[in-house]
C-alpha atoms as a PDB file:
ATOM      1  CA  MET A   1     200.980 -62.690-151.204  1.00  0.00           C
ATOM      2  CA  LEU A   2     198.951 -65.054-153.382  1.00  0.00           C
ATOM      3  CA  HIS A   3     195.723 -63.386-152.266  1.00  0.00           C
ATOM      4  CA  SER A   4     197.165 -60.005-153.178  1.00  0.00           C
ATOM      5  CA  LEU A   5     198.095 -61.169-156.700  1.00  0.00           C
ATOM      6  CA  ILE A   6     194.635 -62.664-157.239  1.00  0.00           C
ATOM      7  CA  LEU A   7     192.979 -59.450-156.036  1.00  0.00           C
ATOM      8  CA  LYS A   8     195.107 -57.333-158.384  1.00  0.00           C
ATOM      9  CA  LYS A   9     194.163 -59.543-161.339  1.00  0.00           C
ATOM     10  CA  LEU A  10     190.479 -59.290-160.476  1.00  0.00           C
ATOM     11  CA  ILE A  11     190.665 -55.512-160.197  1.00  0.00           C
ATOM     12  CA  ALA A  12     192.433 -55.299-163.564  1.00  0.00           C
ATOM     13  CA  ASN A  13     189.885 -57.589-165.228  1.00  0.00           C
ATOM     14  CA  PRO A  14     187.673 -55.569-167.668  1.00  0.00           C
ATOM     15  CA  LEU A  15     184.872 -58.109-167.239  1.00  0.00           C
ATOM     16  CA  LEU A  16     184.639 -57.302-163.543  1.00  0.00           C
ATOM     17  CA  HIS A  17     184.441 -53.587-164.371  1.00  0.00           C
ATOM     18  CA  PHE A  18     181.645 -54.292-166.839  1.00  0.00           C
ATOM     19  CA  LEU A  19     179.687 -56.343-164.317  1.00  0.00           C
ATOM     20  CA  LEU A  20     180.045 -53.704-161.597  1.00  0.00           C
ATOM     21  CA  ILE A  21     178.953 -50.920-163.927  1.00  0.00           C
ATOM     22  CA  GLY A  22     176.032 -53.013-165.128  1.00  0.00           C
ATOM     23  CA  ALA A  23     174.940 -53.750-161.549  1.00  0.00           C
ATOM     24  CA  GLY A  24     175.175 -50.067-160.709  1.00  0.00           C
ATOM     25  CA  LEU A  25     173.112 -49.036-163.712  1.00  0.00           C
ATOM     26  CA  PHE A  26     170.513 -51.690-162.916  1.00  0.00           C
ATOM     27  CA  THR A  27     170.210 -50.452-159.343  1.00  0.00           C
ATOM     28  CA  LEU A  28     169.986 -46.842-160.504  1.00  0.00           C
ATOM     29  CA  TYR A  29     167.301 -47.760-163.039  1.00  0.00           C
ATOM     30  CA  GLN A  30     165.285 -49.543-160.351  1.00  0.00           C
ATOM     31  CA  ILE A  31     165.406 -46.435-158.180  1.00  0.00           C
ATOM     32  CA  VAL A  32     164.623 -43.730-160.709  1.00  0.00           C
ATOM     33  CA  SER A  33     162.784 -45.454-163.546  1.00  0.00           C
ATOM     34  CA  PRO A  34     159.216 -44.319-164.180  1.00  0.00           C
ATOM     35  CA  SER A  35     156.361 -46.592-163.190  1.00  0.00           C
ATOM     36  CA  ASP A  36     153.541 -47.710-165.472  1.00  0.00           C
ATOM     37  CA  ASN A  37     151.563 -44.599-164.650  1.00  0.00           C
ATOM     38  CA  GLY A  38     154.397 -42.343-165.854  1.00  0.00           C
ATOM     39  CA  LYS A  39     155.503 -41.235-162.391  1.00  0.00           C
ATOM     40  CA  ASP A  40     159.032 -41.622-161.051  1.00  0.00           C
ATOM     41  CA  ILE A  41     159.318 -44.471-158.568  1.00  0.00           C
ATOM     42  CA  ILE A  42     160.576 -43.887-155.048  1.00  0.00           C
ATOM     43  CA  VAL A  43     161.338 -47.098-153.163  1.00  0.00           C
ATOM     44  CA  ILE A  44     161.873 -47.019-149.399  1.00  0.00           C
ATOM     45  CA  ASP A  45     163.228 -50.487-148.685  1.00  0.00           C
ATOM     46  CA  ASP A  46     164.761 -52.404-145.768  1.00  0.00           C
ATOM     47  CA  ASP A  47     168.275 -51.057-146.342  1.00  0.00           C
ATOM     48  CA  ILE A  48     167.133 -47.432-146.204  1.00  0.00           C
ATOM     49  CA  VAL A  49     165.007 -48.004-143.118  1.00  0.00           C
ATOM     50  CA  ASN A  50     167.760 -49.976-141.366  1.00  0.00           C
ATOM     51  CA  ARG A  51     170.166 -47.073-141.857  1.00  0.00           C
ATOM     52  CA  SER A  52     167.581 -44.759-140.302  1.00  0.00           C
ATOM     53  CA  LEU A  53     167.129 -47.193-137.400  1.00  0.00           C
ATOM     54  CA  ILE A  54     170.883 -47.290-136.752  1.00  0.00           C
ATOM     55  CA  ILE A  55     171.097 -43.487-136.738  1.00  0.00           C
ATOM     56  CA  PHE A  56     168.049 -43.231-134.446  1.00  0.00           C
ATOM     57  CA  GLU A  57     169.491 -45.719-131.934  1.00  0.00           C
ATOM     58  CA  LYS A  58     172.823 -43.888-131.848  1.00  0.00           C
ATOM     59  CA  GLU A  59     171.066 -40.591-131.149  1.00  0.00           C
ATOM     60  CA  TRP A  60     168.469 -41.807-128.635  1.00  0.00           C
ATOM     61  CA  GLY A  61     170.069 -44.906-127.121  1.00  0.00           C
ATOM     62  CA  ARG A  62     167.006 -47.058-127.884  1.00  0.00           C
ATOM     63  CA  PRO A  63     165.010 -48.417-130.824  1.00  0.00           C
ATOM     64  CA  PRO A  64     162.147 -46.265-132.147  1.00  0.00           C
ATOM     65  CA  THR A  65     158.498 -46.900-131.421  1.00  0.00           C
ATOM     66  CA  ARG A  66     156.199 -47.848-134.283  1.00  0.00           C
ATOM     67  CA  GLU A  67     154.954 -44.249-134.393  1.00  0.00           C
ATOM     68  CA  GLU A  68     158.520 -42.954-134.525  1.00  0.00           C
ATOM     69  CA  LEU A  69     159.346 -45.453-137.273  1.00  0.00           C
ATOM     70  CA  ASP A  70     156.430 -44.139-139.322  1.00  0.00           C
ATOM     71  CA  GLY A  71     157.863 -40.670-138.829  1.00  0.00           C
ATOM     72  CA  LEU A  72     161.297 -41.834-140.021  1.00  0.00           C
ATOM     73  CA  ILE A  73     159.759 -43.356-143.158  1.00  0.00           C
ATOM     74  CA  ALA A  74     157.704 -40.244-143.853  1.00  0.00           C
ATOM     75  CA  ARG A  75     160.878 -38.205-143.442  1.00  0.00           C
ATOM     76  CA  GLN A  76     162.723 -40.408-145.952  1.00  0.00           C
ATOM     77  CA  VAL A  77     159.895 -40.022-148.465  1.00  0.00           C
ATOM     78  CA  LYS A  78     159.772 -36.267-148.005  1.00  0.00           C
ATOM     79  CA  GLN A  79     163.537 -35.915-148.365  1.00  0.00           C
ATOM     80  CA  GLU A  80     163.580 -38.003-151.560  1.00  0.00           C
ATOM     81  CA  VAL A  81     160.631 -36.136-153.096  1.00  0.00           C
ATOM     82  CA  LEU A  82     162.160 -32.729-152.380  1.00  0.00           C
ATOM     83  CA  TYR A  83     165.615 -33.924-153.407  1.00  0.00           C
ATOM     84  CA  ARG A  84     164.440 -35.144-156.814  1.00  0.00           C
ATOM     85  CA  GLN A  85     162.358 -32.051-157.389  1.00  0.00           C
ATOM     86  CA  ALA A  86     165.414 -29.968-156.573  1.00  0.00           C
ATOM     87  CA  LEU A  87     167.501 -32.000-159.036  1.00  0.00           C
ATOM     88  CA  LYS A  88     164.945 -31.336-161.749  1.00  0.00           C
ATOM     89  CA  MET A  89     165.437 -27.637-161.055  1.00  0.00           C
ATOM     90  CA  ASN A  90     169.244 -28.057-161.304  1.00  0.00           C
ATOM     91  CA  LEU A  91     169.836 -26.822-157.770  1.00  0.00           C
ATOM     92  CA  ASP A  92     172.619 -29.335-157.122  1.00  0.00           C
ATOM     93  CA  HIS A  93     175.241 -27.454-159.141  1.00  0.00           C
ATOM     94  CA  ASN A  94     178.618 -27.334-157.330  1.00  0.00           C
ATOM     95  CA  ASP A  95     177.133 -28.396-153.987  1.00  0.00           C
ATOM     96  CA  GLU A  96     178.732 -31.265-152.027  1.00  0.00           C
ATOM     97  CA  LEU A  97     176.038 -31.901-149.385  1.00  0.00           C
ATOM     98  CA  ILE A  98     173.505 -32.585-152.081  1.00  0.00           C
ATOM     99  CA  LYS A  99     170.398 -34.044-150.458  1.00  0.00           C
ATOM    100  CA  ARG A 100     170.323 -31.896-147.359  1.00  0.00           C
ATOM    101  CA  ARG A 101     171.333 -28.793-149.203  1.00  0.00           C
ATOM    102  CA  MET A 102     168.829 -29.446-151.989  1.00  0.00           C
ATOM    103  CA  GLU A 103     165.989 -29.698-149.535  1.00  0.00           C
ATOM    104  CA  GLN A 104     167.083 -26.483-147.840  1.00  0.00           C
ATOM    105  CA  LYS A 105     167.398 -24.637-151.144  1.00  0.00           C
ATOM    106  CA  LEU A 106     163.989 -25.773-152.308  1.00  0.00           C
ATOM    107  CA  ASN A 107     162.451 -24.665-149.027  1.00  0.00           C
ATOM    108  CA  PHE A 108     164.162 -21.293-149.414  1.00  0.00           C
ATOM    109  CA  ILE A 109     162.623 -20.963-152.872  1.00  0.00           C
ATOM    110  CA  THR A 110     159.114 -21.840-151.679  1.00  0.00           C
ATOM    111  CA  ASN A 111     159.534 -19.339-148.833  1.00  0.00           C
ATOM    112  CA  ASP A 112     160.345 -16.682-151.418  1.00  0.00           C
ATOM    113  CA  LEU A 113     157.273 -17.681-153.386  1.00  0.00           C
ATOM    114  CA  ALA A 114     155.240 -17.376-150.216  1.00  0.00           C
ATOM    115  CA  THR A 115     156.369 -13.790-149.645  1.00  0.00           C
ATOM    116  CA  MET A 116     153.246 -11.937-148.718  1.00  0.00           C
ATOM    117  CA  ASP A 117     151.967  -8.476-148.051  1.00  0.00           C
ATOM    118  CA  GLU A 118     151.842  -7.330-144.464  1.00  0.00           C
ATOM    119  CA  PRO A 119     148.813  -8.899-142.778  1.00  0.00           C
ATOM    120  CA  THR A 120     145.839  -6.696-142.056  1.00  0.00           C
ATOM    121  CA  ASN A 121     144.678  -5.920-138.535  1.00  0.00           C
ATOM    122  CA  ALA A 122     141.700  -8.208-139.118  1.00  0.00           C
ATOM    123  CA  GLN A 123     143.998 -11.115-140.049  1.00  0.00           C
ATOM    124  CA  LEU A 124     146.181 -10.541-136.992  1.00  0.00           C
ATOM    125  CA  GLU A 125     143.152 -10.323-134.726  1.00  0.00           C
ATOM    126  CA  GLU A 126     141.836 -13.606-136.111  1.00  0.00           C
ATOM    127  CA  TYR A 127     145.231 -15.280-135.660  1.00  0.00           C
ATOM    128  CA  TYR A 128     145.501 -13.884-132.118  1.00  0.00           C
ATOM    129  CA  SER A 129     142.046 -15.213-131.271  1.00  0.00           C
ATOM    130  CA  GLU A 130     142.903 -18.694-132.568  1.00  0.00           C
ATOM    131  CA  HIS A 131     146.304 -18.865-130.828  1.00  0.00           C
ATOM    132  CA  GLN A 132     145.648 -16.882-127.666  1.00  0.00           C
ATOM    133  CA  SER A 133     147.121 -19.616-125.473  1.00  0.00           C
ATOM    134  CA  LYS A 134     150.585 -18.805-126.884  1.00  0.00           C
ATOM    135  CA  TYR A 135     150.429 -15.323-125.369  1.00  0.00           C
ATOM    136  CA  ILE A 136     149.658 -16.161-121.752  1.00  0.00           C
ATOM    137  CA  ILE A 137     151.953 -15.264-118.868  1.00  0.00           C
ATOM    138  CA  ALA A 138     151.863 -18.072-116.320  1.00  0.00           C
ATOM    139  CA  GLN A 139     151.110 -17.528-112.645  1.00  0.00           C
ATOM    140  CA  ARG A 140     154.106 -15.996-110.846  1.00  0.00           C
ATOM    141  CA  VAL A 141     155.149 -15.671-107.230  1.00  0.00           C
ATOM    142  CA  SER A 142     157.659 -13.671-105.202  1.00  0.00           C
ATOM    143  CA  TYR A 143     159.000 -15.352-102.078  1.00  0.00           C
ATOM    144  CA  ILE A 144     161.698 -15.475 -99.397  1.00  0.00           C
ATOM    145  CA  HIS A 145     163.039 -18.743 -98.055  1.00  0.00           C
ATOM    146  CA  ILE A 146     165.261 -19.963 -95.243  1.00  0.00           C
ATOM    147  CA  TYR A 147     167.447 -22.940 -96.112  1.00  0.00           C
ATOM    148  CA  PHE A 148     168.368 -25.855 -93.838  1.00  0.00           C
ATOM    149  CA  ASN A 149     171.219 -27.936 -95.217  1.00  0.00           C
ATOM    150  CA  PRO A 150     170.849 -31.679 -94.518  1.00  0.00           C
ATOM    151  CA  ASP A 151     174.598 -32.145 -95.028  1.00  0.00           C
ATOM    152  CA  LYS A 152     175.269 -29.879 -92.034  1.00  0.00           C
ATOM    153  CA  ARG A 153     172.294 -30.827 -89.870  1.00  0.00           C
ATOM    154  CA  SER A 154     171.279 -34.281 -88.700  1.00  0.00           C
ATOM    155  CA  ARG A 155     167.722 -33.048 -87.987  1.00  0.00           C
ATOM    156  CA  ALA A 156     167.186 -30.382 -90.672  1.00  0.00           C
ATOM    157  CA  LYS A 157     163.395 -30.843 -90.836  1.00  0.00           C
ATOM    158  CA  GLU A 158     162.995 -30.644 -87.049  1.00  0.00           C
ATOM    159  CA  ASP A 159     165.186 -27.527 -86.928  1.00  0.00           C
ATOM    160  CA  ALA A 160     162.992 -25.903 -89.584  1.00  0.00           C
ATOM    161  CA  GLU A 161     159.783 -26.759 -87.681  1.00  0.00           C
ATOM    162  CA  ARG A 162     161.218 -25.315 -84.464  1.00  0.00           C
ATOM    163  CA  ILE A 163     162.252 -22.026 -86.111  1.00  0.00           C
ATOM    164  CA  LEU A 164     158.930 -21.787 -87.997  1.00  0.00           C
ATOM    165  CA  ASN A 165     157.029 -21.504 -84.710  1.00  0.00           C
ATOM    166  CA  SER A 166     159.179 -18.560 -83.600  1.00  0.00           C
ATOM    167  CA  LEU A 167     159.093 -16.496 -86.809  1.00  0.00           C
ATOM    168  CA  PRO A 168     157.113 -13.234 -86.898  1.00  0.00           C
ATOM    169  CA  VAL A 169     154.123 -12.895 -89.201  1.00  0.00           C
ATOM    170  CA  GLU A 170     155.793 -10.076 -91.106  1.00  0.00           C
ATOM    171  CA  ALA A 171     158.720 -10.943 -93.341  1.00  0.00           C
ATOM    172  CA  PRO A 172     161.805  -9.624 -91.502  1.00  0.00           C
ATOM    173  CA  ASN A 173     165.130  -8.448 -92.914  1.00  0.00           C
ATOM    174  CA  ILE A 174     166.606 -10.861 -95.448  1.00  0.00           C
ATOM    175  CA  ARG A 175     170.000 -10.948 -93.756  1.00  0.00           C
ATOM    176  CA  TYR A 176     168.395 -11.843 -90.457  1.00  0.00           C
ATOM    177  CA  LEU A 177     166.536 -14.672 -92.156  1.00  0.00           C
ATOM    178  CA  GLU A 178     169.700 -16.042 -93.727  1.00  0.00           C
ATOM    179  CA  SER A 179     171.329 -16.101 -90.284  1.00  0.00           C
ATOM    180  CA  LEU A 180     168.591 -18.409 -89.013  1.00  0.00           C
ATOM    181  CA  GLY A 181     169.410 -21.094 -91.560  1.00  0.00           C
ATOM    182  CA  ASP A 182     172.368 -22.128 -93.700  1.00  0.00           C
ATOM    183  CA  PRO A 183     174.040 -20.451 -96.705  1.00  0.00           C
ATOM    184  CA  PHE A 184     172.202 -21.172 -99.942  1.00  0.00           C
ATOM    185  CA  PRO A 185     173.997 -21.301-103.339  1.00  0.00           C
ATOM    186  CA  PHE A 186     171.376 -19.069-104.967  1.00  0.00           C
ATOM    187  CA  LEU A 187     169.263 -16.073-103.952  1.00  0.00           C
ATOM    188  CA  SER A 188     167.186 -16.256-100.790  1.00  0.00           C
ATOM    189  CA  GLU A 189     164.662 -13.842-102.294  1.00  0.00           C
ATOM    190  CA  VAL A 190     163.004 -14.610-105.636  1.00  0.00           C
ATOM    191  CA  ARG A 191     160.863 -12.099-107.510  1.00  0.00           C
ATOM    192  CA  ARG A 192     158.004 -12.832-109.913  1.00  0.00           C
ATOM    193  CA  ALA A 193     159.091 -16.282-111.044  1.00  0.00           C
ATOM    194  CA  ASP A 194     156.756 -18.761-112.717  1.00  0.00           C
ATOM    195  CA  GLN A 195     156.605 -22.481-112.009  1.00  0.00           C
ATOM    196  CA  ALA A 196     159.034 -23.432-114.778  1.00  0.00           C
ATOM    197  CA  GLU A 197     161.617 -20.887-113.625  1.00  0.00           C
ATOM    198  CA  ILE A 198     161.378 -22.046-110.011  1.00  0.00           C
ATOM    199  CA  ALA A 199     161.505 -25.712-111.021  1.00  0.00           C
ATOM    200  CA  SER A 200     164.637 -25.200-113.123  1.00  0.00           C
ATOM    201  CA  GLN A 201     166.495 -24.133-109.976  1.00  0.00           C
ATOM    202  CA  MET A 202     164.693 -25.835-107.104  1.00  0.00           C
ATOM    203  CA  GLY A 203     162.979 -28.866-108.623  1.00  0.00           C
ATOM    204  CA  ASP A 204     159.408 -29.675-109.665  1.00  0.00           C
ATOM    205  CA  ALA A 205     158.109 -30.631-106.212  1.00  0.00           C
ATOM    206  CA  PHE A 206     159.304 -27.391-104.598  1.00  0.00           C
ATOM    207  CA  ALA A 207     157.884 -25.273-107.446  1.00  0.00           C
ATOM    208  CA  ALA A 208     154.471 -26.950-107.260  1.00  0.00           C
ATOM    209  CA  SER A 209     154.357 -26.516-103.481  1.00  0.00           C
ATOM    210  CA  VAL A 210     155.337 -22.842-103.550  1.00  0.00           C
ATOM    211  CA  LEU A 211     152.548 -21.939-105.989  1.00  0.00           C
ATOM    212  CA  ASN A 212     149.968 -23.328-103.542  1.00  0.00           C
ATOM    213  CA  LEU A 213     151.247 -21.686-100.364  1.00  0.00           C
ATOM    214  CA  PRO A 214     149.252 -18.837 -98.741  1.00  0.00           C
ATOM    215  CA  THR A 215     150.577 -15.288 -99.020  1.00  0.00           C
ATOM    216  CA  HIS A 216     151.973 -13.092 -96.218  1.00  0.00           C
ATOM    217  CA  GLN A 217     152.803 -15.909 -93.833  1.00  0.00           C
ATOM    218  CA  TRP A 218     155.536 -18.438 -93.204  1.00  0.00           C
ATOM    219  CA  SER A 219     154.978 -22.002 -94.444  1.00  0.00           C
ATOM    220  CA  GLY A 220     156.928 -25.229 -94.365  1.00  0.00           C
ATOM    221  CA  PRO A 221     158.951 -27.223 -94.143  1.00  0.00           C
ATOM    222  CA  VAL A 222     159.079 -27.399 -97.976  1.00  0.00           C
ATOM    223  CA  LEU A 223     161.498 -29.860 -99.555  1.00  0.00           C
ATOM    224  CA  SER A 224     163.692 -29.218-102.585  1.00  0.00           C
ATOM    225  CA  GLY A 225     166.585 -31.025-104.219  1.00  0.00           C
ATOM    226  CA  TYR A 226     168.887 -29.106-101.871  1.00  0.00           C
ATOM    227  CA  GLY A 227     167.170 -29.845 -98.590  1.00  0.00           C
ATOM    228  CA  THR A 228     164.541 -28.210 -96.362  1.00  0.00           C
ATOM    229  CA  HIS A 229     163.123 -24.675 -96.589  1.00  0.00           C
ATOM    230  CA  LEU A 230     160.762 -22.327 -94.816  1.00  0.00           C
ATOM    231  CA  VAL A 231     158.969 -20.116 -97.325  1.00  0.00           C
ATOM    232  CA  TYR A 232     157.257 -16.726 -97.075  1.00  0.00           C
ATOM    233  CA  ILE A 233     155.116 -15.764-100.083  1.00  0.00           C
ATOM    234  CA  LEU A 234     155.401 -12.033-100.699  1.00  0.00           C
ATOM    235  CA  GLU A 235     152.955 -11.847-103.626  1.00  0.00           C
ATOM    236  CA  LYS A 236     151.112 -13.938-106.186  1.00  0.00           C
ATOM    237  CA  LEU A 237     150.413 -12.744-109.692  1.00  0.00           C
ATOM    238  CA  PRO A 238     147.655 -14.681-111.481  1.00  0.00           C
ATOM    239  CA  GLU A 239     147.899 -16.112-114.974  1.00  0.00           C
ATOM    240  CA  GLU A 240     147.455 -13.303-117.488  1.00  0.00           C
ATOM    241  CA  THR A 241     146.604 -13.197-121.182  1.00  0.00           C
ATOM    242  CA  LEU A 242     148.589 -10.432-122.841  1.00  0.00           C
ATOM    243  CA  PRO A 243     146.578  -8.046-125.033  1.00  0.00           C
ATOM    244  CA  LEU A 244     147.182  -8.040-128.772  1.00  0.00           C
ATOM    245  CA  ALA A 245     148.898  -4.654-128.686  1.00  0.00           C
ATOM    246  CA  ALA A 246     151.499  -5.959-126.210  1.00  0.00           C
ATOM    247  CA  VAL A 247     152.446  -8.958-128.356  1.00  0.00           C
ATOM    248  CA  LYS A 248     152.062  -7.515-131.855  1.00  0.00           C
ATOM    249  CA  GLU A 249     155.726  -8.018-132.769  1.00  0.00           C
ATOM    250  CA  ASP A 250     155.650 -11.672-131.648  1.00  0.00           C
ATOM    251  CA  LEU A 251     152.278 -12.082-133.325  1.00  0.00           C
ATOM    252  CA  MET A 252     153.641 -10.856-136.670  1.00  0.00           C
ATOM    253  CA  ARG A 253     156.576 -13.257-136.436  1.00  0.00           C
ATOM    254  CA  ASP A 254     154.406 -16.245-135.523  1.00  0.00           C
ATOM    255  CA  TYR A 255     151.806 -15.419-138.180  1.00  0.00           C
ATOM    256  CA  THR A 256     154.458 -15.128-140.907  1.00  0.00           C
ATOM    257  CA  TYR A 257     156.123 -18.375-139.830  1.00  0.00           C
ATOM    258  CA  ASP A 258     152.822 -20.283-139.899  1.00  0.00           C
ATOM    259  CA  VAL A 259     151.945 -18.899-143.339  1.00  0.00           C
ATOM    260  CA  TYR A 260     155.312 -20.037-144.698  1.00  0.00           C
ATOM    261  CA  GLN A 261     154.924 -23.477-143.098  1.00  0.00           C
ATOM    262  CA  ASP A 262     151.441 -23.943-144.590  1.00  0.00           C
ATOM    263  CA  TYR A 263     152.683 -22.867-148.003  1.00  0.00           C
ATOM    264  CA  ASN A 264     155.697 -25.199-147.855  1.00  0.00           C
ATOM    265  CA  ASN A 265     153.484 -28.125-146.832  1.00  0.00           C
ATOM    266  CA  LYS A 266     151.144 -27.481-149.765  1.00  0.00           C
ATOM    267  CA  ILE A 267     154.087 -27.263-152.179  1.00  0.00           C
ATOM    268  CA  TYR A 268     155.468 -30.532-150.817  1.00  0.00           C
ATOM    269  CA  GLU A 269     152.127 -32.306-151.233  1.00  0.00           C
ATOM    270  CA  ASP A 270     151.984 -31.101-154.855  1.00  0.00           C
ATOM    271  CA  PHE A 271     155.524 -32.361-155.498  1.00  0.00           C
ATOM    272  CA  LYS A 272     154.738 -35.667-153.810  1.00  0.00           C
ATOM    273  CA  LYS A 273     151.871 -36.353-156.237  1.00  0.00           C
ATOM    274  CA  GLN A 274     154.410 -36.537-159.059  1.00  0.00           C
ATOM    275  CA  TYR A 275     156.012 -39.663-157.580  1.00  0.00           C
ATOM    276  CA  ASP A 276     154.970 -43.253-157.142  1.00  0.00           C
ATOM    277  CA  ILE A 277     155.863 -43.858-153.476  1.00  0.00           C
ATOM    278  CA  ARG A 278     156.493 -47.498-152.576  1.00  0.00           C
ATOM    279  CA  ILE A 279     157.220 -48.583-148.991  1.00  0.00           C
ATOM    280  CA  GLN A 280     158.766 -52.057-149.321  1.00  0.00           C
ATOM    281  CA  ILE A 281     159.664 -53.151-145.799  1.00  0.00           C
ATOM    282  CA  THR A 282     159.320 -56.657-144.375  1.00  0.00           C
ATOM    283  CA  GLU A 283     158.217 -57.115-140.774  1.00  0.00           C
ATOM    284  CA  ARG A 284     160.995 -59.667-140.352  1.00  0.00           C
ATOM    285  CA  SER A 285     163.655 -57.016-140.949  1.00  0.00           C
ATOM    286  CA  LEU A 286     162.174 -54.924-138.095  1.00  0.00           C
ATOM    287  CA  SER A 287     162.034 -57.755-135.582  1.00  0.00           C
ATOM    288  CA  GLY A 288     163.554 -56.550-132.310  1.00  0.00           C
ATOM    289  CA  LYS A 289     164.349 -53.150-133.781  1.00  0.00           C
ATOM    290  CA  ILE A 290     161.336 -51.130-132.648  1.00  0.00           C
ATOM    291  CA  VAL A 291     159.808 -50.533-129.242  1.00  0.00           C
ATOM    292  CA  ALA A 292     156.277 -51.926-128.954  1.00  0.00           C
ATOM    293  CA  GLU A 293     155.090 -49.159-126.648  1.00  0.00           C
ATOM    294  CA  SER A 294     156.023 -45.495-126.498  1.00  0.00           C
ATOM    295  CA  PRO A 295     158.804 -44.896-123.937  1.00  0.00           C
ATOM    296  CA  ALA A 296     157.838 -43.375-120.603  1.00  0.00           C
ATOM    297  CA  LYS A 297     158.247 -39.602-120.528  1.00  0.00           C
END
């Protein structure tokens, strides 16, 4: 009760209000006051970085690496530069999510400024030549497999080896093949799938093995996350670079996106020059909060 009365008196005390307002104004002045060279000062200090570290650890379940920390700091600087530039342009009017929304609005504006004429064929050809690796279809295979379930068989691998020796060279009827093994939760015949597609269903080891098997003959046993398989490769399609005409729509989209990104980066660098960026972080505050080496991938 006594504590409550004391607290009420403190809250009602005009001197306390004055001190709090003064402290707030001092802090605000420290953040936004111009430096000696006439530029606004942006200070990225321990408190700001620690908040970023806490958010990072909640999202990733571990502290950041030094490289990731540098990225977090660069992100804070970029956000503050774009935020202040947006404030100068009065883009915060009636918007509650100010910083994030300001950055988005400013990027929208720079995208509008970057609106360009449709690229010429020569420009698209040059872009295609420089980014040809983006328009490659990976090697694909079509195959049939017979599945041997280790949960139903005590000697699944041996059963597969025994049946392999009795299979005909030609790929027989799919239903007959399925009767030789066990029911599989997915298709027993796969058509024109690349390594990533096969791996997403069967696992990396199975996908890598299948791509290296000979065509038009039975091979195995091949292991997957489900168990043991015998595999017959029906066809292999080599890696293929798509011609420009076949990817023109994607090419236009990628070209436009890259132009906008380059323009936005240049605008940001120009904005950034208007600020005095100060990174004031002590190593002591980071002790035990960053990973020395990059985490294993």
